Amino acid sequence: MREEKKTTVPVPVVTPHVTVHRFEVPTPRIGQAGQQVVDAGKAVASSLPPPGRLAYYTGLGALAALGVMDWPVAAAIGVGVAVARRATGRQRAGQSRTT
């Protein structure tokens, strides 16, 4: 039987070192127009669905945009889910009033 010779080769490993410097940037106070922008942002945010549902609808949109799913199918699924949630919500609200 013949013995095989084994050799080892050291491999250098590079480890990155990141330093984060924090500093403050003075910002001007927002005026009337800035406050209107903030109010508009809050109005838009209040009309959005909760984060879980928003992620679901975003995923459907991404699937349609990437061509994994046809956009009419994605739209039908999204509308169907929204209608089902609305019907379930109304049904639960009716049950809580009767009990």
N, C-alpha and C. Protein backbone atom coordinates (compact mmCIF):
# COMPACT_ATOMS: atom_id res chain seq x y z
N MET A 1 0.82 -1.19 0.00
CA MET A 1 0.00 0.00 0.00
C MET A 1 0.86 1.24 0.00
N ARG A 2 0.45 2.18 -0.78
CA ARG A 2 1.22 3.40 -0.91
C ARG A 2 0.58 4.53 -0.09
N GLU A 3 1.38 5.23 0.65
CA GLU A 3 0.86 6.33 1.46
C GLU A 3 0.85 7.61 0.64
N GLU A 4 -0.24 8.35 0.77
CA GLU A 4 -0.33 9.61 0.06
C GLU A 4 0.21 10.72 0.94
N LYS A 5 0.93 11.63 0.34
CA LYS A 5 1.45 12.76 1.09
C LYS A 5 0.43 13.89 1.05
N LYS A 6 0.20 14.46 2.18
CA LYS A 6 -0.76 15.57 2.26
C LYS A 6 0.01 16.85 2.53
N THR A 7 -0.38 17.88 1.84
CA THR A 7 0.22 19.18 2.09
C THR A 7 -0.87 20.17 2.44
N THR A 8 -0.55 21.11 3.23
CA THR A 8 -1.50 22.14 3.60
C THR A 8 -1.00 23.47 3.09
N VAL A 9 -1.94 24.29 2.69
CA VAL A 9 -1.62 25.61 2.18
C VAL A 9 -2.35 26.63 3.04
N PRO A 10 -1.63 27.54 3.65
CA PRO A 10 -2.31 28.57 4.45
C PRO A 10 -3.04 29.55 3.52
N VAL A 11 -4.26 29.87 3.86
CA VAL A 11 -5.07 30.80 3.07
C VAL A 11 -5.32 32.04 3.91
N PRO A 12 -4.86 33.19 3.43
CA PRO A 12 -5.12 34.41 4.21
C PRO A 12 -6.59 34.80 4.14
N VAL A 13 -7.12 35.25 5.24
CA VAL A 13 -8.51 35.67 5.32
C VAL A 13 -8.53 37.16 5.61
N VAL A 14 -9.25 37.89 4.79
CA VAL A 14 -9.35 39.34 4.97
C VAL A 14 -10.61 39.62 5.78
N THR A 15 -10.44 40.35 6.85
CA THR A 15 -11.56 40.73 7.69
C THR A 15 -11.74 42.25 7.61
N PRO A 16 -12.89 42.69 7.16
CA PRO A 16 -13.08 44.15 7.06
C PRO A 16 -13.29 44.76 8.43
N HIS A 17 -12.86 45.98 8.56
CA HIS A 17 -13.07 46.74 9.78
C HIS A 17 -13.77 48.03 9.40
N VAL A 18 -14.95 48.24 9.95
CA VAL A 18 -15.74 49.41 9.60
C VAL A 18 -15.88 50.30 10.82
N THR A 19 -15.61 51.57 10.63
CA THR A 19 -15.78 52.55 11.69
C THR A 19 -16.91 53.48 11.28
N VAL A 20 -17.88 53.65 12.15
CA VAL A 20 -19.01 54.53 11.87
C VAL A 20 -18.84 55.80 12.69
N HIS A 21 -18.80 56.89 11.99
CA HIS A 21 -18.70 58.19 12.65
C HIS A 21 -20.08 58.84 12.62
N ARG A 22 -20.53 59.28 13.74
CA ARG A 22 -21.83 59.95 13.81
C ARG A 22 -21.62 61.44 14.03
N PHE A 23 -22.38 62.20 13.29
CA PHE A 23 -22.31 63.64 13.47
C PHE A 23 -23.69 64.22 13.20
N GLU A 24 -23.94 65.36 13.77
CA GLU A 24 -25.23 66.00 13.61
C GLU A 24 -25.14 67.06 12.54
N VAL A 25 -26.18 67.12 11.74
CA VAL A 25 -26.28 68.13 10.70
C VAL A 25 -27.40 69.07 11.11
N PRO A 26 -27.11 70.34 11.24
CA PRO A 26 -28.19 71.27 11.61
C PRO A 26 -29.22 71.36 10.47
N THR A 27 -30.46 71.27 10.84
CA THR A 27 -31.52 71.36 9.84
C THR A 27 -32.37 72.59 10.13
N PRO A 28 -32.79 73.25 9.10
CA PRO A 28 -33.64 74.43 9.33
C PRO A 28 -35.02 73.99 9.79
N ARG A 29 -35.68 74.84 10.48
CA ARG A 29 -37.03 74.54 10.93
C ARG A 29 -37.95 74.54 9.72
N ILE A 30 -38.89 73.62 9.73
CA ILE A 30 -39.82 73.56 8.60
C ILE A 30 -40.86 74.65 8.77
N GLY A 31 -41.18 75.27 7.68
CA GLY A 31 -42.17 76.33 7.70
C GLY A 31 -43.55 75.80 7.42
N GLN A 32 -44.42 76.68 6.96
CA GLN A 32 -45.80 76.30 6.66
C GLN A 32 -45.86 75.26 5.55
N ALA A 33 -45.07 75.45 4.50
CA ALA A 33 -45.07 74.49 3.39
C ALA A 33 -44.56 73.13 3.85
N GLY A 34 -43.54 73.13 4.69
CA GLY A 34 -43.01 71.87 5.21
C GLY A 34 -44.03 71.15 6.06
N GLN A 35 -44.78 71.90 6.85
CA GLN A 35 -45.82 71.29 7.69
C GLN A 35 -46.92 70.69 6.83
N GLN A 36 -47.22 71.32 5.71
CA GLN A 36 -48.23 70.77 4.80
C GLN A 36 -47.74 69.45 4.20
N VAL A 37 -46.46 69.37 3.90
CA VAL A 37 -45.90 68.13 3.37
C VAL A 37 -45.99 67.03 4.41
N VAL A 38 -45.67 67.36 5.66
CA VAL A 38 -45.75 66.38 6.75
C VAL A 38 -47.19 65.91 6.92
N ASP A 39 -48.13 66.84 6.89
CA ASP A 39 -49.55 66.47 7.04
C ASP A 39 -50.01 65.58 5.88
N ALA A 40 -49.56 65.89 4.67
CA ALA A 40 -49.92 65.06 3.51
C ALA A 40 -49.35 63.66 3.66
N GLY A 41 -48.11 63.55 4.15
CA GLY A 41 -47.51 62.25 4.37
C GLY A 41 -48.27 61.43 5.40
N LYS A 42 -48.72 62.10 6.46
CA LYS A 42 -49.50 61.40 7.48
C LYS A 42 -50.84 60.93 6.93
N ALA A 43 -51.45 61.75 6.07
CA ALA A 43 -52.74 61.35 5.47
C ALA A 43 -52.56 60.14 4.58
N VAL A 44 -51.49 60.12 3.79
CA VAL A 44 -51.24 58.97 2.92
C VAL A 44 -50.95 57.73 3.76
N ALA A 45 -50.14 57.88 4.80
CA ALA A 45 -49.80 56.74 5.65
C ALA A 45 -51.02 56.17 6.35
N SER A 46 -51.97 57.03 6.71
CA SER A 46 -53.16 56.53 7.40
C SER A 46 -54.08 55.74 6.47
N SER A 47 -53.97 55.97 5.15
CA SER A 47 -54.83 55.25 4.22
C SER A 47 -54.20 53.96 3.71
N LEU A 48 -52.94 53.71 4.03
CA LEU A 48 -52.27 52.48 3.61
C LEU A 48 -52.71 51.31 4.48
N PRO A 49 -52.70 50.10 3.93
CA PRO A 49 -53.03 48.93 4.75
C PRO A 49 -51.91 48.66 5.77
N PRO A 50 -52.18 47.82 6.76
CA PRO A 50 -51.14 47.48 7.73
C PRO A 50 -49.92 46.88 7.03
N PRO A 51 -48.76 46.92 7.67
CA PRO A 51 -47.52 46.46 7.02
C PRO A 51 -47.59 45.04 6.47
N GLY A 52 -48.25 44.13 7.14
CA GLY A 52 -48.34 42.75 6.65
C GLY A 52 -49.09 42.66 5.33
N ARG A 53 -50.23 43.35 5.26
CA ARG A 53 -51.00 43.35 4.02
C ARG A 53 -50.29 44.12 2.92
N LEU A 54 -49.62 45.20 3.29
CA LEU A 54 -48.88 45.97 2.30
C LEU A 54 -47.78 45.12 1.68
N ALA A 55 -47.11 44.32 2.49
CA ALA A 55 -46.07 43.42 1.98
C ALA A 55 -46.69 42.37 1.05
N TYR A 56 -47.87 41.88 1.38
CA TYR A 56 -48.56 40.89 0.55
C TYR A 56 -48.88 41.48 -0.82
N TYR A 57 -49.47 42.67 -0.83
CA TYR A 57 -49.83 43.31 -2.10
C TYR A 57 -48.58 43.70 -2.89
N THR A 58 -47.53 44.10 -2.19
CA THR A 58 -46.27 44.42 -2.86
C THR A 58 -45.68 43.17 -3.50
N GLY A 59 -45.77 42.04 -2.81
CA GLY A 59 -45.29 40.78 -3.37
C GLY A 59 -46.07 40.38 -4.62
N LEU A 60 -47.39 40.56 -4.58
CA LEU A 60 -48.20 40.28 -5.77
C LEU A 60 -47.78 41.17 -6.94
N GLY A 61 -47.56 42.44 -6.64
CA GLY A 61 -47.12 43.37 -7.68
C GLY A 61 -45.77 42.99 -8.24
N ALA A 62 -44.86 42.57 -7.36
CA ALA A 62 -43.52 42.17 -7.81
C ALA A 62 -43.60 40.92 -8.69
N LEU A 63 -44.43 39.96 -8.31
CA LEU A 63 -44.59 38.76 -9.13
C LEU A 63 -45.12 39.10 -10.51
N ALA A 64 -46.07 40.04 -10.56
CA ALA A 64 -46.63 40.45 -11.85
C ALA A 64 -45.59 41.22 -12.66
N ALA A 65 -44.81 42.09 -11.99
CA ALA A 65 -43.81 42.88 -12.70
C ALA A 65 -42.69 42.01 -13.25
N LEU A 66 -42.34 40.96 -12.53
CA LEU A 66 -41.26 40.07 -12.97
C LEU A 66 -41.74 39.03 -13.99
N GLY A 67 -43.02 38.99 -14.22
CA GLY A 67 -43.55 38.06 -15.21
C GLY A 67 -43.79 36.66 -14.69
N VAL A 68 -43.67 36.47 -13.38
CA VAL A 68 -43.93 35.15 -12.79
C VAL A 68 -45.42 34.85 -12.88
N MET A 69 -46.20 35.92 -12.79
CA MET A 69 -47.65 35.79 -12.80
C MET A 69 -48.19 36.88 -13.73
N ASP A 70 -49.22 36.59 -14.47
CA ASP A 70 -49.83 37.62 -15.32
C ASP A 70 -50.48 38.68 -14.44
N TRP A 71 -50.43 39.94 -14.89
CA TRP A 71 -50.95 41.01 -14.05
C TRP A 71 -52.45 40.92 -13.81
N PRO A 72 -53.27 40.43 -14.75
CA PRO A 72 -54.70 40.31 -14.43
C PRO A 72 -54.95 39.29 -13.31
N VAL A 73 -54.15 38.23 -13.29
CA VAL A 73 -54.29 37.22 -12.23
C VAL A 73 -53.91 37.83 -10.89
N ALA A 74 -52.79 38.57 -10.85
CA ALA A 74 -52.36 39.21 -9.61
C ALA A 74 -53.39 40.22 -9.13
N ALA A 75 -53.96 40.99 -10.07
CA ALA A 75 -54.98 41.97 -9.69
C ALA A 75 -56.22 41.28 -9.15
N ALA A 76 -56.63 40.18 -9.78
CA ALA A 76 -57.81 39.44 -9.32
C ALA A 76 -57.57 38.87 -7.92
N ILE A 77 -56.39 38.35 -7.68
CA ILE A 77 -56.08 37.82 -6.35
C ILE A 77 -56.11 38.94 -5.32
N GLY A 78 -55.49 40.07 -5.64
CA GLY A 78 -55.46 41.20 -4.70
C GLY A 78 -56.85 41.72 -4.39
N VAL A 79 -57.67 41.89 -5.41
CA VAL A 79 -59.04 42.38 -5.20
C VAL A 79 -59.84 41.35 -4.42
N GLY A 80 -59.67 40.08 -4.75
CA GLY A 80 -60.40 39.03 -4.04
C GLY A 80 -60.05 38.98 -2.55
N VAL A 81 -58.77 39.13 -2.26
CA VAL A 81 -58.34 39.13 -0.85
C VAL A 81 -58.91 40.35 -0.13
N ALA A 82 -58.88 41.52 -0.78
CA ALA A 82 -59.40 42.73 -0.16
C ALA A 82 -60.90 42.61 0.11
N VAL A 83 -61.65 42.08 -0.85
CA VAL A 83 -63.10 41.91 -0.67
C VAL A 83 -63.38 40.90 0.44
N ALA A 84 -62.63 39.81 0.47
CA ALA A 84 -62.83 38.80 1.51
C ALA A 84 -62.52 39.37 2.89
N ARG A 85 -61.46 40.15 3.00
CA ARG A 85 -61.13 40.76 4.30
C ARG A 85 -62.21 41.74 4.74
N ARG A 86 -62.72 42.52 3.79
CA ARG A 86 -63.76 43.48 4.14
C ARG A 86 -65.02 42.75 4.59
N ALA A 87 -65.41 41.68 3.90
CA ALA A 87 -66.60 40.93 4.28
C ALA A 87 -66.41 40.27 5.64
N THR A 88 -65.21 39.73 5.88
CA THR A 88 -64.93 39.11 7.17
C THR A 88 -64.96 40.14 8.29
N GLY A 89 -64.44 41.33 8.01
CA GLY A 89 -64.46 42.40 9.01
C GLY A 89 -65.87 42.83 9.36
N ARG A 90 -66.72 42.95 8.34
CA ARG A 90 -68.12 43.34 8.60
C ARG A 90 -68.85 42.25 9.36
N GLN A 91 -68.55 40.99 9.02
CA GLN A 91 -69.20 39.87 9.70
C GLN A 91 -68.80 39.85 11.17
N ARG A 92 -67.53 40.06 11.44
CA ARG A 92 -67.07 40.07 12.84
C ARG A 92 -67.66 41.25 13.61
N ALA A 93 -67.78 42.41 12.94
CA ALA A 93 -68.37 43.57 13.61
C ALA A 93 -69.83 43.30 13.94
N GLY A 94 -70.56 42.63 13.05
CA GLY A 94 -71.96 42.28 13.31
C GLY A 94 -72.09 41.30 14.45
N GLN A 95 -71.18 40.35 14.55
CA GLN A 95 -71.21 39.36 15.62
C GLN A 95 -70.93 40.02 16.97
N SER A 96 -70.03 40.97 17.00
CA SER A 96 -69.68 41.60 18.27
C SER A 96 -70.83 42.48 18.77
N ARG A 97 -71.64 43.02 17.86
CA ARG A 97 -72.78 43.84 18.28
C ARG A 97 -73.92 42.98 18.82
N THR A 98 -74.10 41.78 18.26
CA THR A 98 -75.21 40.92 18.68
C THR A 98 -74.91 40.19 19.97
N THR A 99 -73.63 40.02 20.31
CA THR A 99 -73.31 39.28 21.55
C THR A 99 -73.06 40.21 22.68
